Amino acid sequence: MTVGPEGPTAEPVDPATPAPEHDTTTRSWLRDHSELGICVLLLAIGALVLTDALTMSVDIAQRGPIGPRTVPFVVGSALLLVAVLLAVDVLRGGRGEAEGGEDIDLDEPADWRTVLLLSGVFLAAAVLIGPLGFPIAGALLFWGSAYALGSRHHGRDPLIAAVLSLATYFLFDNLLGVPLPGGPLMGVI
């Protein structure tokens, strides 16, 4: 800033001029402590779980000292504890280990075709489960997932998907008592 006869005036900023040192220092500090983002996420999820657990209506479901609030309260408290312990570790200089255990090439681009195919299969299953029922929508989900992940056994995959879907339907509907929509096959199954 310069001071002239008309008063103070701002100097034009040259794009070739390097950024102020505090800006690069802040970016460097954030890059070195990026794990704090996970701490914030865990803290938010823990607070949400605890809030839901504490505001839960348990009048009918309460039987004895341990009720439906117990598990969410323990999980929410554990999330808060892990968030705080991780933040302390990161601020003391702890770092996450670099990717090294998997046989992947980090320089290769993401396989967006597979991601989009899997997303489409999951979305289609969510839309079709109501009108077609779980056995058909589940079979399409299992077969579509196998296809998206690279399996090209066009005779075997649909049969395995149908068996998996029917077994899952019977397990949840009959053995566990969780009603799943049967769709048009309701009278047949």
C-alpha atoms as a PDB file:
ATOM      1  CA  MET A   1       0.000   0.000   0.000  1.00  0.00           C
ATOM      2  CA  THR A   2       1.359   3.403  -0.906  1.00  0.00           C
ATOM      3  CA  VAL A   3       0.387   6.835   0.404  1.00  0.00           C
ATOM      4  CA  GLY A   4       0.019   9.565  -2.206  1.00  0.00           C
ATOM      5  CA  PRO A   5      -1.516  13.023  -2.418  1.00  0.00           C
ATOM      6  CA  GLU A   6      -4.993  11.482  -2.757  1.00  0.00           C
ATOM      7  CA  GLY A   7      -4.481   9.229   0.273  1.00  0.00           C
ATOM      8  CA  PRO A   8      -3.556   5.562   0.598  1.00  0.00           C
ATOM      9  CA  THR A   9      -3.857   3.463  -2.572  1.00  0.00           C
ATOM     10  CA  ALA A  10      -3.560  -0.285  -3.005  1.00  0.00           C
ATOM     11  CA  GLU A  11      -0.740  -1.572  -5.138  1.00  0.00           C
ATOM     12  CA  PRO A  12      -1.678  -3.913  -7.981  1.00  0.00           C
ATOM     13  CA  VAL A  13      -1.053  -7.580  -7.185  1.00  0.00           C
ATOM     14  CA  ASP A  14       1.405  -9.269  -9.507  1.00  0.00           C
ATOM     15  CA  PRO A  15       0.314 -12.891 -10.251  1.00  0.00           C
ATOM     16  CA  ALA A  16       3.975 -13.922 -10.284  1.00  0.00           C
ATOM     17  CA  THR A  17       4.397 -12.713  -6.702  1.00  0.00           C
ATOM     18  CA  PRO A  18       4.510 -15.676  -4.326  1.00  0.00           C
ATOM     19  CA  ALA A  19       1.716 -16.082  -1.792  1.00  0.00           C
ATOM     20  CA  PRO A  20       2.297 -14.753   1.700  1.00  0.00           C
ATOM     21  CA  GLU A  21       4.257 -17.081   3.937  1.00  0.00           C
ATOM     22  CA  HIS A  22       1.404 -17.605   6.428  1.00  0.00           C
ATOM     23  CA  ASP A  23      -0.822 -18.963   3.629  1.00  0.00           C
ATOM     24  CA  THR A  24       1.679 -21.652   2.661  1.00  0.00           C
ATOM     25  CA  THR A  25       2.412 -22.364   6.318  1.00  0.00           C
ATOM     26  CA  THR A  26      -1.297 -22.904   7.003  1.00  0.00           C
ATOM     27  CA  ARG A  27      -1.654 -25.189   3.983  1.00  0.00           C
ATOM     28  CA  SER A  28       1.420 -27.128   4.995  1.00  0.00           C
ATOM     29  CA  TRP A  29       0.139 -27.544   8.565  1.00  0.00           C
ATOM     30  CA  LEU A  30      -3.275 -28.720   7.302  1.00  0.00           C
ATOM     31  CA  ARG A  31      -1.625 -31.148   4.891  1.00  0.00           C
ATOM     32  CA  ASP A  32       0.538 -32.537   7.695  1.00  0.00           C
ATOM     33  CA  HIS A  33      -2.472 -32.922   9.989  1.00  0.00           C
ATOM     34  CA  SER A  34      -5.078 -34.098   7.469  1.00  0.00           C
ATOM     35  CA  GLU A  35      -6.109 -36.926   9.793  1.00  0.00           C
ATOM     36  CA  LEU A  36      -7.880 -34.296  11.893  1.00  0.00           C
ATOM     37  CA  GLY A  37     -10.648 -34.397   9.281  1.00  0.00           C
ATOM     38  CA  ILE A  38     -11.370 -37.979  10.323  1.00  0.00           C
ATOM     39  CA  CYS A  39     -11.420 -36.818  13.954  1.00  0.00           C
ATOM     40  CA  VAL A  40     -14.048 -34.193  13.121  1.00  0.00           C
ATOM     41  CA  LEU A  41     -16.122 -36.770  11.222  1.00  0.00           C
ATOM     42  CA  LEU A  42     -15.954 -39.275  14.103  1.00  0.00           C
ATOM     43  CA  LEU A  43     -16.836 -36.536  16.569  1.00  0.00           C
ATOM     44  CA  ALA A  44     -19.883 -35.502  14.531  1.00  0.00           C
ATOM     45  CA  ILE A  45     -21.112 -39.076  14.096  1.00  0.00           C
ATOM     46  CA  GLY A  46     -20.578 -39.813  17.801  1.00  0.00           C
ATOM     47  CA  ALA A  47     -22.510 -36.693  18.797  1.00  0.00           C
ATOM     48  CA  LEU A  48     -25.337 -37.634  16.413  1.00  0.00           C
ATOM     49  CA  VAL A  49     -25.540 -41.192  17.763  1.00  0.00           C
ATOM     50  CA  LEU A  50     -25.524 -39.958  21.378  1.00  0.00           C
ATOM     51  CA  THR A  51     -28.179 -37.337  20.630  1.00  0.00           C
ATOM     52  CA  ASP A  52     -30.402 -39.956  19.006  1.00  0.00           C
ATOM     53  CA  ALA A  53     -29.834 -42.400  21.876  1.00  0.00           C
ATOM     54  CA  LEU A  54     -30.661 -39.828  24.540  1.00  0.00           C
ATOM     55  CA  THR A  55     -33.807 -38.565  22.772  1.00  0.00           C
ATOM     56  CA  MET A  56     -35.084 -42.063  21.939  1.00  0.00           C
ATOM     57  CA  SER A  57     -38.529 -42.968  23.242  1.00  0.00           C
ATOM     58  CA  VAL A  58     -38.197 -46.215  25.194  1.00  0.00           C
ATOM     59  CA  ASP A  59     -41.374 -46.408  27.251  1.00  0.00           C
ATOM     60  CA  ILE A  60     -42.692 -49.628  25.709  1.00  0.00           C
ATOM     61  CA  ALA A  61     -39.389 -51.335  24.860  1.00  0.00           C
ATOM     62  CA  GLN A  62     -37.660 -50.891  28.252  1.00  0.00           C
ATOM     63  CA  ARG A  63     -37.204 -54.210  30.064  1.00  0.00           C
ATOM     64  CA  GLY A  64     -34.820 -54.095  33.003  1.00  0.00           C
ATOM     65  CA  PRO A  65     -31.675 -52.007  33.332  1.00  0.00           C
ATOM     66  CA  ILE A  66     -30.444 -52.615  29.777  1.00  0.00           C
ATOM     67  CA  GLY A  67     -32.727 -51.199  27.121  1.00  0.00           C
ATOM     68  CA  PRO A  68     -32.605 -49.973  23.554  1.00  0.00           C
ATOM     69  CA  ARG A  69     -30.488 -46.942  24.524  1.00  0.00           C
ATOM     70  CA  THR A  70     -27.554 -49.024  25.772  1.00  0.00           C
ATOM     71  CA  VAL A  71     -25.845 -50.012  22.521  1.00  0.00           C
ATOM     72  CA  PRO A  72     -26.208 -46.614  20.808  1.00  0.00           C
ATOM     73  CA  PHE A  73     -24.929 -44.937  23.975  1.00  0.00           C
ATOM     74  CA  VAL A  74     -21.866 -47.221  24.100  1.00  0.00           C
ATOM     75  CA  VAL A  75     -21.168 -46.800  20.363  1.00  0.00           C
ATOM     76  CA  GLY A  76     -21.598 -43.007  20.476  1.00  0.00           C
ATOM     77  CA  SER A  77     -19.343 -42.721  23.527  1.00  0.00           C
ATOM     78  CA  ALA A  78     -16.723 -44.936  21.874  1.00  0.00           C
ATOM     79  CA  LEU A  79     -16.807 -42.775  18.727  1.00  0.00           C
ATOM     80  CA  LEU A  80     -16.237 -39.631  20.796  1.00  0.00           C
ATOM     81  CA  LEU A  81     -13.399 -41.295  22.720  1.00  0.00           C
ATOM     82  CA  VAL A  82     -11.691 -42.515  19.530  1.00  0.00           C
ATOM     83  CA  ALA A  83     -12.059 -39.045  17.957  1.00  0.00           C
ATOM     84  CA  VAL A  84     -10.385 -37.382  20.943  1.00  0.00           C
ATOM     85  CA  LEU A  85      -7.599 -39.990  21.202  1.00  0.00           C
ATOM     86  CA  LEU A  86      -6.898 -39.790  17.469  1.00  0.00           C
ATOM     87  CA  ALA A  87      -6.800 -35.979  17.577  1.00  0.00           C
ATOM     88  CA  VAL A  88      -4.333 -36.069  20.481  1.00  0.00           C
ATOM     89  CA  ASP A  89      -2.154 -38.560  18.593  1.00  0.00           C
ATOM     90  CA  VAL A  90      -2.201 -36.483  15.389  1.00  0.00           C
ATOM     91  CA  LEU A  91      -1.384 -33.265  17.255  1.00  0.00           C
ATOM     92  CA  ARG A  92       1.534 -35.023  18.966  1.00  0.00           C
ATOM     93  CA  GLY A  93       2.965 -35.953  15.572  1.00  0.00           C
ATOM     94  CA  GLY A  94       1.351 -39.319  14.846  1.00  0.00           C
ATOM     95  CA  ARG A  95       0.843 -40.128  11.187  1.00  0.00           C
ATOM     96  CA  GLY A  96      -1.179 -42.696   9.316  1.00  0.00           C
ATOM     97  CA  GLU A  97       0.816 -45.326   7.460  1.00  0.00           C
ATOM     98  CA  ALA A  98       1.177 -44.984   3.727  1.00  0.00           C
ATOM     99  CA  GLU A  99      -0.696 -47.381   1.483  1.00  0.00           C
ATOM    100  CA  GLY A 100       1.463 -50.431   1.143  1.00  0.00           C
ATOM    101  CA  GLY A 101      -0.468 -53.550   2.059  1.00  0.00           C
ATOM    102  CA  GLU A 102      -2.565 -53.850  -1.060  1.00  0.00           C
ATOM    103  CA  ASP A 103      -1.436 -54.856  -4.504  1.00  0.00           C
ATOM    104  CA  ILE A 104      -2.621 -51.727  -6.282  1.00  0.00           C
ATOM    105  CA  ASP A 105      -0.951 -49.068  -8.359  1.00  0.00           C
ATOM    106  CA  LEU A 106      -1.745 -45.680  -6.855  1.00  0.00           C
ATOM    107  CA  ASP A 107      -0.667 -43.965 -10.075  1.00  0.00           C
ATOM    108  CA  GLU A 108      -3.475 -45.579 -12.101  1.00  0.00           C
ATOM    109  CA  PRO A 109      -6.693 -43.577 -12.531  1.00  0.00           C
ATOM    110  CA  ALA A 110      -9.928 -44.713 -10.866  1.00  0.00           C
ATOM    111  CA  ASP A 111     -12.103 -47.203 -12.730  1.00  0.00           C
ATOM    112  CA  TRP A 112     -15.167 -44.983 -13.097  1.00  0.00           C
ATOM    113  CA  ARG A 113     -16.961 -47.465 -15.350  1.00  0.00           C
ATOM    114  CA  THR A 114     -17.099 -50.017 -12.519  1.00  0.00           C
ATOM    115  CA  VAL A 115     -18.124 -47.386  -9.979  1.00  0.00           C
ATOM    116  CA  LEU A 116     -20.940 -46.135 -12.220  1.00  0.00           C
ATOM    117  CA  LEU A 117     -22.131 -49.660 -13.027  1.00  0.00           C
ATOM    118  CA  LEU A 118     -22.234 -50.603  -9.328  1.00  0.00           C
ATOM    119  CA  SER A 119     -24.032 -47.359  -8.467  1.00  0.00           C
ATOM    120  CA  GLY A 120     -26.593 -48.031 -11.184  1.00  0.00           C
ATOM    121  CA  VAL A 121     -27.140 -51.602  -9.983  1.00  0.00           C
ATOM    122  CA  PHE A 122     -27.680 -50.473  -6.373  1.00  0.00           C
ATOM    123  CA  LEU A 123     -30.041 -47.692  -7.461  1.00  0.00           C
ATOM    124  CA  ALA A 124     -32.009 -50.069  -9.701  1.00  0.00           C
ATOM    125  CA  ALA A 125     -32.325 -52.594  -6.860  1.00  0.00           C
ATOM    126  CA  ALA A 126     -33.573 -49.876  -4.500  1.00  0.00           C
ATOM    127  CA  VAL A 127     -36.185 -48.760  -7.046  1.00  0.00           C
ATOM    128  CA  LEU A 128     -37.270 -52.276  -8.063  1.00  0.00           C
ATOM    129  CA  ILE A 129     -37.521 -53.881  -4.611  1.00  0.00           C
ATOM    130  CA  GLY A 130     -41.020 -52.445  -4.087  1.00  0.00           C
ATOM    131  CA  PRO A 131     -42.721 -53.514  -7.327  1.00  0.00           C
ATOM    132  CA  LEU A 132     -40.732 -56.711  -8.018  1.00  0.00           C
ATOM    133  CA  GLY A 133     -40.028 -57.858  -4.467  1.00  0.00           C
ATOM    134  CA  PHE A 134     -36.760 -58.839  -2.841  1.00  0.00           C
ATOM    135  CA  PRO A 135     -36.188 -62.192  -4.603  1.00  0.00           C
ATOM    136  CA  ILE A 136     -36.159 -60.637  -8.092  1.00  0.00           C
ATOM    137  CA  ALA A 137     -34.543 -57.308  -7.147  1.00  0.00           C
ATOM    138  CA  GLY A 138     -31.937 -59.138  -5.027  1.00  0.00           C
ATOM    139  CA  ALA A 139     -31.097 -61.498  -7.891  1.00  0.00           C
ATOM    140  CA  LEU A 140     -30.637 -58.501 -10.198  1.00  0.00           C
ATOM    141  CA  LEU A 141     -28.478 -56.839  -7.544  1.00  0.00           C
ATOM    142  CA  PHE A 142     -26.225 -59.888  -7.093  1.00  0.00           C
ATOM    143  CA  TRP A 143     -25.920 -60.597 -10.822  1.00  0.00           C
ATOM    144  CA  GLY A 144     -25.394 -56.915 -11.728  1.00  0.00           C
ATOM    145  CA  SER A 145     -22.710 -56.546  -9.056  1.00  0.00           C
ATOM    146  CA  ALA A 146     -20.872 -59.627 -10.308  1.00  0.00           C
ATOM    147  CA  TYR A 147     -21.063 -58.314 -13.884  1.00  0.00           C
ATOM    148  CA  ALA A 148     -19.862 -54.832 -12.874  1.00  0.00           C
ATOM    149  CA  LEU A 149     -16.914 -56.354 -11.017  1.00  0.00           C
ATOM    150  CA  GLY A 150     -15.828 -58.326 -14.079  1.00  0.00           C
ATOM    151  CA  SER A 151     -17.490 -61.762 -14.024  1.00  0.00           C
ATOM    152  CA  ARG A 152     -18.571 -62.826 -17.514  1.00  0.00           C
ATOM    153  CA  HIS A 153     -20.089 -66.275 -16.840  1.00  0.00           C
ATOM    154  CA  HIS A 154     -23.467 -65.535 -18.422  1.00  0.00           C
ATOM    155  CA  GLY A 155     -24.945 -68.941 -17.635  1.00  0.00           C
ATOM    156  CA  ARG A 156     -23.651 -69.449 -14.108  1.00  0.00           C
ATOM    157  CA  ASP A 157     -23.896 -65.926 -12.617  1.00  0.00           C
ATOM    158  CA  PRO A 158     -27.696 -65.492 -12.907  1.00  0.00           C
ATOM    159  CA  LEU A 159     -28.248 -68.913 -11.300  1.00  0.00           C
ATOM    160  CA  ILE A 160     -25.924 -68.152  -8.400  1.00  0.00           C
ATOM    161  CA  ALA A 161     -27.586 -64.730  -8.011  1.00  0.00           C
ATOM    162  CA  ALA A 162     -31.063 -66.333  -7.899  1.00  0.00           C
ATOM    163  CA  VAL A 163     -29.957 -68.905  -5.297  1.00  0.00           C
ATOM    164  CA  LEU A 164     -28.289 -66.206  -3.153  1.00  0.00           C
ATOM    165  CA  SER A 165     -31.338 -63.973  -3.390  1.00  0.00           C
ATOM    166  CA  LEU A 166     -33.806 -66.718  -2.464  1.00  0.00           C
ATOM    167  CA  ALA A 167     -31.591 -67.940   0.384  1.00  0.00           C
ATOM    168  CA  THR A 168     -31.308 -64.388   1.726  1.00  0.00           C
ATOM    169  CA  TYR A 169     -35.072 -63.908   1.413  1.00  0.00           C
ATOM    170  CA  PHE A 170     -35.837 -67.120   3.325  1.00  0.00           C
ATOM    171  CA  LEU A 171     -33.203 -66.373   5.970  1.00  0.00           C
ATOM    172  CA  PHE A 172     -34.573 -62.929   6.733  1.00  0.00           C
ATOM    173  CA  ASP A 173     -38.288 -63.548   6.145  1.00  0.00           C
ATOM    174  CA  ASN A 174     -38.729 -66.975   7.716  1.00  0.00           C
ATOM    175  CA  LEU A 175     -35.843 -67.583  10.125  1.00  0.00           C
ATOM    176  CA  LEU A 176     -35.163 -64.067  11.453  1.00  0.00           C
ATOM    177  CA  GLY A 177     -38.723 -62.762  11.188  1.00  0.00           C
ATOM    178  CA  VAL A 178     -37.756 -59.661   9.192  1.00  0.00           C
ATOM    179  CA  PRO A 179     -40.475 -59.246   6.562  1.00  0.00           C
ATOM    180  CA  LEU A 180     -39.134 -58.538   3.077  1.00  0.00           C
ATOM    181  CA  PRO A 181     -41.384 -57.718   0.111  1.00  0.00           C
ATOM    182  CA  GLY A 182     -42.074 -60.832  -1.934  1.00  0.00           C
ATOM    183  CA  GLY A 183     -43.492 -59.068  -4.968  1.00  0.00           C
ATOM    184  CA  PRO A 184     -45.243 -61.141  -7.633  1.00  0.00           C
ATOM    185  CA  LEU A 185     -43.525 -64.305  -6.343  1.00  0.00           C
ATOM    186  CA  MET A 186     -45.272 -63.975  -2.952  1.00  0.00           C
ATOM    187  CA  GLY A 187     -47.769 -66.738  -3.682  1.00  0.00           C
ATOM    188  CA  VAL A 188     -45.214 -68.994  -5.358  1.00  0.00           C
ATOM    189  CA  ILE A 189     -42.499 -68.881  -2.683  1.00  0.00           C
END
